[in-house]
Every structure is written in C-alpha cells, then in structure tokens.
Amino acid sequence: MAAAIPDRFSKMNVRYSKAPLSYKTITEIMFHLGKELQCEAELVVAGANVNRIPEIYRQRLSVLRECVIKDGVGTLTRQTFACLEYLTHVGIIFNETFLRRDCYITKDNVDEIESDMKTSLKYFADWRKEQQAFRAASGEKRS
C-alpha cells in the first residue's frame, strides 16, 4: 500500500473516476433514454468513426434533444437528459481529449479537437448564462 506524501507527486489510478464518463457508460445511458423516448433506432450512427467519439455524441444528443422537446415528456425524463448532456460534455473534455493515451494533438487534427472543446465549453457557458438569468429573475444574489 502506498503512503500519501503531500509534497511529492504520485501516479494515480483514474480508471474508476473515468468510468461514469466512458464511451460505454454514456452510450448505455443514451440508448436507455432513447428506448424510453422511443427513438432508440435513430441513435445508431451508421458508418461512425470510433476515433471521432465527440461527433457520435453530438449526433445522438441532437436526436435525444428533439425527442425531449416534444410535448408530453415528463420532468424526470428532462432531468435525465440534462444529466446525460452534462456527462457527455465532461466526458468529451476529459476522457476523449485530456485523458486519452491514444489521442495525440497534431497539425492534422488540432482543428477538430479545438472544435470539440469549443462546443463542450459553449455548453457550460450557455448553462452559466441561463443560471445567471434565473438568479436575476428570482432576485437571488450570489457573490
């Protein structure tokens, strides 16, 4: 057993922290929600490039978003989609960009990676704006 030494760097095993953001987990949640919304078949991305996981995620989120926007979808389903969208963007930023051992940033793929990051960071920027507008409308003050 390794001891924790605060003034020294030690290699951490991040396998368990990456699991909720893994392709397998996010895909499972997407298909579970797709089955609930009766759009599971539309989530299958034909000819998908497994090296472009963020692109697959965006296509599937788009399908699910359209189904969630429809009338008659309950609050729990909307919350599940919101959680899935959050997990997906965090997964893109960390698992699919920063923590992938087989993904290198090169002059050939830097534009794609930058676009993926901007899209995911825009999600968080939009979320922040919505929360600020909600707080302003409700009179809540935060420092």
C-alpha atoms as a PDB file:
ATOM      1  CA  MET A   1       0.000   0.000   0.000  1.00  0.00           C
ATOM      2  CA  ALA A   2       1.364   3.380  -0.989  1.00  0.00           C
ATOM      3  CA  ALA A   3       1.529   6.178   1.522  1.00  0.00           C
ATOM      4  CA  ALA A   4       0.279   9.646   0.702  1.00  0.00           C
ATOM      5  CA  ILE A   5       3.110  12.151   0.784  1.00  0.00           C
ATOM      6  CA  PRO A   6       1.734  15.689   0.342  1.00  0.00           C
ATOM      7  CA  ASP A   7       4.901  17.249  -1.063  1.00  0.00           C
ATOM      8  CA  ARG A   8       5.526  14.536  -3.680  1.00  0.00           C
ATOM      9  CA  PHE A   9       3.691  13.640  -6.847  1.00  0.00           C
ATOM     10  CA  SER A  10       2.413  10.096  -7.047  1.00  0.00           C
ATOM     11  CA  LYS A  11       0.793   8.441 -10.026  1.00  0.00           C
ATOM     12  CA  MET A  12      -2.933   7.982  -9.526  1.00  0.00           C
ATOM     13  CA  ASN A  13      -5.132   5.279 -10.985  1.00  0.00           C
ATOM     14  CA  VAL A  14      -8.010   7.194 -12.565  1.00  0.00           C
ATOM     15  CA  ARG A  15      -9.819   4.160 -14.000  1.00  0.00           C
ATOM     16  CA  TYR A  16     -12.739   4.393 -11.564  1.00  0.00           C
ATOM     17  CA  SER A  17     -13.098   8.162 -11.882  1.00  0.00           C
ATOM     18  CA  LYS A  18     -13.220   7.828 -15.685  1.00  0.00           C
ATOM     19  CA  ALA A  19     -15.903   5.094 -15.653  1.00  0.00           C
ATOM     20  CA  PRO A  20     -19.019   7.339 -15.439  1.00  0.00           C
ATOM     21  CA  LEU A  21     -17.678   9.375 -18.359  1.00  0.00           C
ATOM     22  CA  SER A  22     -16.619   6.425 -20.518  1.00  0.00           C
ATOM     23  CA  TYR A  23     -17.953   5.804 -24.015  1.00  0.00           C
ATOM     24  CA  LYS A  24     -19.601   2.581 -22.862  1.00  0.00           C
ATOM     25  CA  THR A  25     -21.402   4.232 -19.927  1.00  0.00           C
ATOM     26  CA  ILE A  26     -22.567   7.308 -21.843  1.00  0.00           C
ATOM     27  CA  THR A  27     -23.726   5.163 -24.764  1.00  0.00           C
ATOM     28  CA  GLU A  28     -25.672   2.907 -22.375  1.00  0.00           C
ATOM     29  CA  ILE A  29     -27.433   5.926 -20.844  1.00  0.00           C
ATOM     30  CA  MET A  30     -28.171   7.360 -24.298  1.00  0.00           C
ATOM     31  CA  PHE A  31     -29.764   4.130 -25.513  1.00  0.00           C
ATOM     32  CA  HIS A  32     -31.706   3.681 -22.263  1.00  0.00           C
ATOM     33  CA  LEU A  33     -33.148   7.182 -22.648  1.00  0.00           C
ATOM     34  CA  GLY A  34     -33.701   6.582 -26.371  1.00  0.00           C
ATOM     35  CA  LYS A  35     -35.695   3.457 -25.575  1.00  0.00           C
ATOM     36  CA  GLU A  36     -37.801   5.418 -23.078  1.00  0.00           C
ATOM     37  CA  LEU A  37     -38.404   8.149 -25.688  1.00  0.00           C
ATOM     38  CA  GLN A  38     -38.998   5.575 -28.463  1.00  0.00           C
ATOM     39  CA  CYS A  39     -36.185   6.886 -30.650  1.00  0.00           C
ATOM     40  CA  GLU A  40     -33.600   4.176 -29.952  1.00  0.00           C
ATOM     41  CA  ALA A  41     -33.208   3.211 -33.642  1.00  0.00           C
ATOM     42  CA  GLU A  42     -32.336   6.812 -34.556  1.00  0.00           C
ATOM     43  CA  LEU A  43     -29.359   6.720 -32.159  1.00  0.00           C
ATOM     44  CA  VAL A  44     -27.485   4.181 -34.264  1.00  0.00           C
ATOM     45  CA  VAL A  45     -24.872   6.130 -36.190  1.00  0.00           C
ATOM     46  CA  ALA A  46     -24.141   4.286 -39.436  1.00  0.00           C
ATOM     47  CA  GLY A  47     -20.511   4.302 -40.544  1.00  0.00           C
ATOM     48  CA  ALA A  48     -19.388   6.066 -37.384  1.00  0.00           C
ATOM     49  CA  ASN A  49     -15.685   6.608 -36.907  1.00  0.00           C
ATOM     50  CA  VAL A  50     -14.833   5.356 -33.405  1.00  0.00           C
ATOM     51  CA  ASN A  51     -11.930   7.803 -33.337  1.00  0.00           C
ATOM     52  CA  ARG A  52     -14.465  10.643 -33.550  1.00  0.00           C
ATOM     53  CA  ILE A  53     -16.469   9.857 -30.419  1.00  0.00           C
ATOM     54  CA  PRO A  54     -17.393  13.533 -29.772  1.00  0.00           C
ATOM     55  CA  GLU A  55     -19.056  13.639 -33.199  1.00  0.00           C
ATOM     56  CA  ILE A  56     -21.064  10.495 -32.388  1.00  0.00           C
ATOM     57  CA  TYR A  57     -22.106  12.003 -29.059  1.00  0.00           C
ATOM     58  CA  ARG A  58     -23.269  15.242 -30.700  1.00  0.00           C
ATOM     59  CA  GLN A  59     -25.370  13.365 -33.269  1.00  0.00           C
ATOM     60  CA  ARG A  60     -27.017  11.263 -30.565  1.00  0.00           C
ATOM     61  CA  LEU A  61     -27.614  14.256 -28.276  1.00  0.00           C
ATOM     62  CA  SER A  62     -29.291  16.051 -31.171  1.00  0.00           C
ATOM     63  CA  VAL A  63     -31.710  13.145 -31.688  1.00  0.00           C
ATOM     64  CA  LEU A  64     -32.459  12.903 -27.969  1.00  0.00           C
ATOM     65  CA  ARG A  65     -32.903  16.687 -27.636  1.00  0.00           C
ATOM     66  CA  GLU A  66     -35.558  16.659 -30.375  1.00  0.00           C
ATOM     67  CA  CYS A  67     -37.427  13.860 -28.580  1.00  0.00           C
ATOM     68  CA  VAL A  68     -37.212  15.610 -25.184  1.00  0.00           C
ATOM     69  CA  ILE A  69     -38.521  18.893 -26.621  1.00  0.00           C
ATOM     70  CA  LYS A  70     -41.746  17.169 -27.702  1.00  0.00           C
ATOM     71  CA  ASP A  71     -44.798  17.762 -25.562  1.00  0.00           C
ATOM     72  CA  GLY A  72     -45.718  15.158 -23.001  1.00  0.00           C
ATOM     73  CA  VAL A  73     -42.206  14.364 -21.793  1.00  0.00           C
ATOM     74  CA  GLY A  74     -42.078  14.271 -18.009  1.00  0.00           C
ATOM     75  CA  THR A  75     -39.809  16.180 -15.657  1.00  0.00           C
ATOM     76  CA  LEU A  76     -37.798  13.070 -14.742  1.00  0.00           C
ATOM     77  CA  THR A  77     -37.015  12.431 -18.415  1.00  0.00           C
ATOM     78  CA  ARG A  78     -35.959  16.057 -18.909  1.00  0.00           C
ATOM     79  CA  GLN A  79     -33.710  15.813 -15.841  1.00  0.00           C
ATOM     80  CA  THR A  80     -32.214  12.561 -17.128  1.00  0.00           C
ATOM     81  CA  PHE A  81     -31.432  14.247 -20.442  1.00  0.00           C
ATOM     82  CA  ALA A  82     -29.871  17.249 -18.678  1.00  0.00           C
ATOM     83  CA  CYS A  83     -27.669  14.917 -16.622  1.00  0.00           C
ATOM     84  CA  LEU A  84     -26.716  12.956 -19.751  1.00  0.00           C
ATOM     85  CA  GLU A  85     -25.832  16.144 -21.615  1.00  0.00           C
ATOM     86  CA  TYR A  86     -23.621  17.253 -18.719  1.00  0.00           C
ATOM     87  CA  LEU A  87     -21.884  13.847 -18.531  1.00  0.00           C
ATOM     88  CA  THR A  88     -21.344  13.843 -22.275  1.00  0.00           C
ATOM     89  CA  HIS A  89     -19.648  17.243 -22.371  1.00  0.00           C
ATOM     90  CA  VAL A  90     -17.465  16.477 -19.343  1.00  0.00           C
ATOM     91  CA  GLY A  91     -16.605  13.142 -20.997  1.00  0.00           C
ATOM     92  CA  ILE A  92     -15.626  14.908 -24.213  1.00  0.00           C
ATOM     93  CA  ILE A  93     -13.391  17.361 -22.382  1.00  0.00           C
ATOM     94  CA  PHE A  94     -11.671  14.905 -20.092  1.00  0.00           C
ATOM     95  CA  ASN A  95     -11.937  11.299 -21.327  1.00  0.00           C
ATOM     96  CA  GLU A  96     -11.934  11.990 -25.055  1.00  0.00           C
ATOM     97  CA  THR A  97      -9.365  14.799 -25.034  1.00  0.00           C
ATOM     98  CA  PHE A  98      -7.144  15.122 -21.967  1.00  0.00           C
ATOM     99  CA  LEU A  99      -7.013  11.539 -20.658  1.00  0.00           C
ATOM    100  CA  ARG A 100      -6.822   9.511 -23.879  1.00  0.00           C
ATOM    101  CA  ARG A 101      -3.482   7.800 -24.238  1.00  0.00           C
ATOM    102  CA  ASP A 102      -4.022   7.044 -27.919  1.00  0.00           C
ATOM    103  CA  CYS A 103      -5.048  10.567 -28.919  1.00  0.00           C
ATOM    104  CA  TYR A 104      -2.316  12.985 -29.848  1.00  0.00           C
ATOM    105  CA  ILE A 105      -2.805  16.558 -30.913  1.00  0.00           C
ATOM    106  CA  THR A 106      -1.172  17.011 -34.288  1.00  0.00           C
ATOM    107  CA  LYS A 107      -1.359  19.612 -37.010  1.00  0.00           C
ATOM    108  CA  ASP A 108      -3.792  17.297 -38.829  1.00  0.00           C
ATOM    109  CA  ASN A 109      -6.349  17.040 -36.008  1.00  0.00           C
ATOM    110  CA  VAL A 110      -5.875  20.212 -33.968  1.00  0.00           C
ATOM    111  CA  ASP A 111      -8.849  21.930 -35.633  1.00  0.00           C
ATOM    112  CA  GLU A 112     -11.187  19.016 -34.860  1.00  0.00           C
ATOM    113  CA  ILE A 113     -10.064  18.851 -31.240  1.00  0.00           C
ATOM    114  CA  GLU A 114     -10.388  22.617 -30.867  1.00  0.00           C
ATOM    115  CA  SER A 115     -13.916  22.465 -32.299  1.00  0.00           C
ATOM    116  CA  ASP A 116     -14.863  19.654 -29.864  1.00  0.00           C
ATOM    117  CA  MET A 117     -13.538  21.642 -26.930  1.00  0.00           C
ATOM    118  CA  LYS A 118     -15.263  24.866 -28.007  1.00  0.00           C
ATOM    119  CA  THR A 119     -18.589  23.052 -28.423  1.00  0.00           C
ATOM    120  CA  SER A 120     -18.382  21.494 -24.976  1.00  0.00           C
ATOM    121  CA  LEU A 121     -17.186  24.684 -23.327  1.00  0.00           C
ATOM    122  CA  LYS A 122     -20.017  26.591 -25.042  1.00  0.00           C
ATOM    123  CA  TYR A 123     -22.459  24.188 -23.342  1.00  0.00           C
ATOM    124  CA  PHE A 124     -21.092  25.257 -19.947  1.00  0.00           C
ATOM    125  CA  ALA A 125     -21.048  28.959 -20.904  1.00  0.00           C
ATOM    126  CA  ASP A 126     -24.696  28.758 -22.014  1.00  0.00           C
ATOM    127  CA  TRP A 127     -25.607  26.925 -18.824  1.00  0.00           C
ATOM    128  CA  ARG A 128     -23.951  29.649 -16.754  1.00  0.00           C
ATOM    129  CA  LYS A 129     -25.851  32.382 -18.614  1.00  0.00           C
ATOM    130  CA  GLU A 130     -29.132  30.574 -18.016  1.00  0.00           C
ATOM    131  CA  GLN A 131     -28.375  30.243 -14.307  1.00  0.00           C
ATOM    132  CA  GLN A 132     -27.436  33.919 -14.024  1.00  0.00           C
ATOM    133  CA  ALA A 133     -30.663  34.933 -15.771  1.00  0.00           C
ATOM    134  CA  PHE A 134     -32.671  32.638 -13.481  1.00  0.00           C
ATOM    135  CA  ARG A 135     -31.000  34.080 -10.366  1.00  0.00           C
ATOM    136  CA  ALA A 136     -31.574  37.645 -11.566  1.00  0.00           C
ATOM    137  CA  ALA A 137     -35.259  36.910 -12.256  1.00  0.00           C
ATOM    138  CA  SER A 138     -35.735  35.286  -8.859  1.00  0.00           C
ATOM    139  CA  GLY A 139     -33.825  38.017  -7.003  1.00  0.00           C
ATOM    140  CA  GLU A 140     -31.186  35.594  -5.720  1.00  0.00           C
ATOM    141  CA  LYS A 141     -27.825  37.211  -5.055  1.00  0.00           C
ATOM    142  CA  ARG A 142     -24.503  35.397  -5.133  1.00  0.00           C
ATOM    143  CA  SER A 143     -21.026  36.746  -4.851  1.00  0.00           C
END
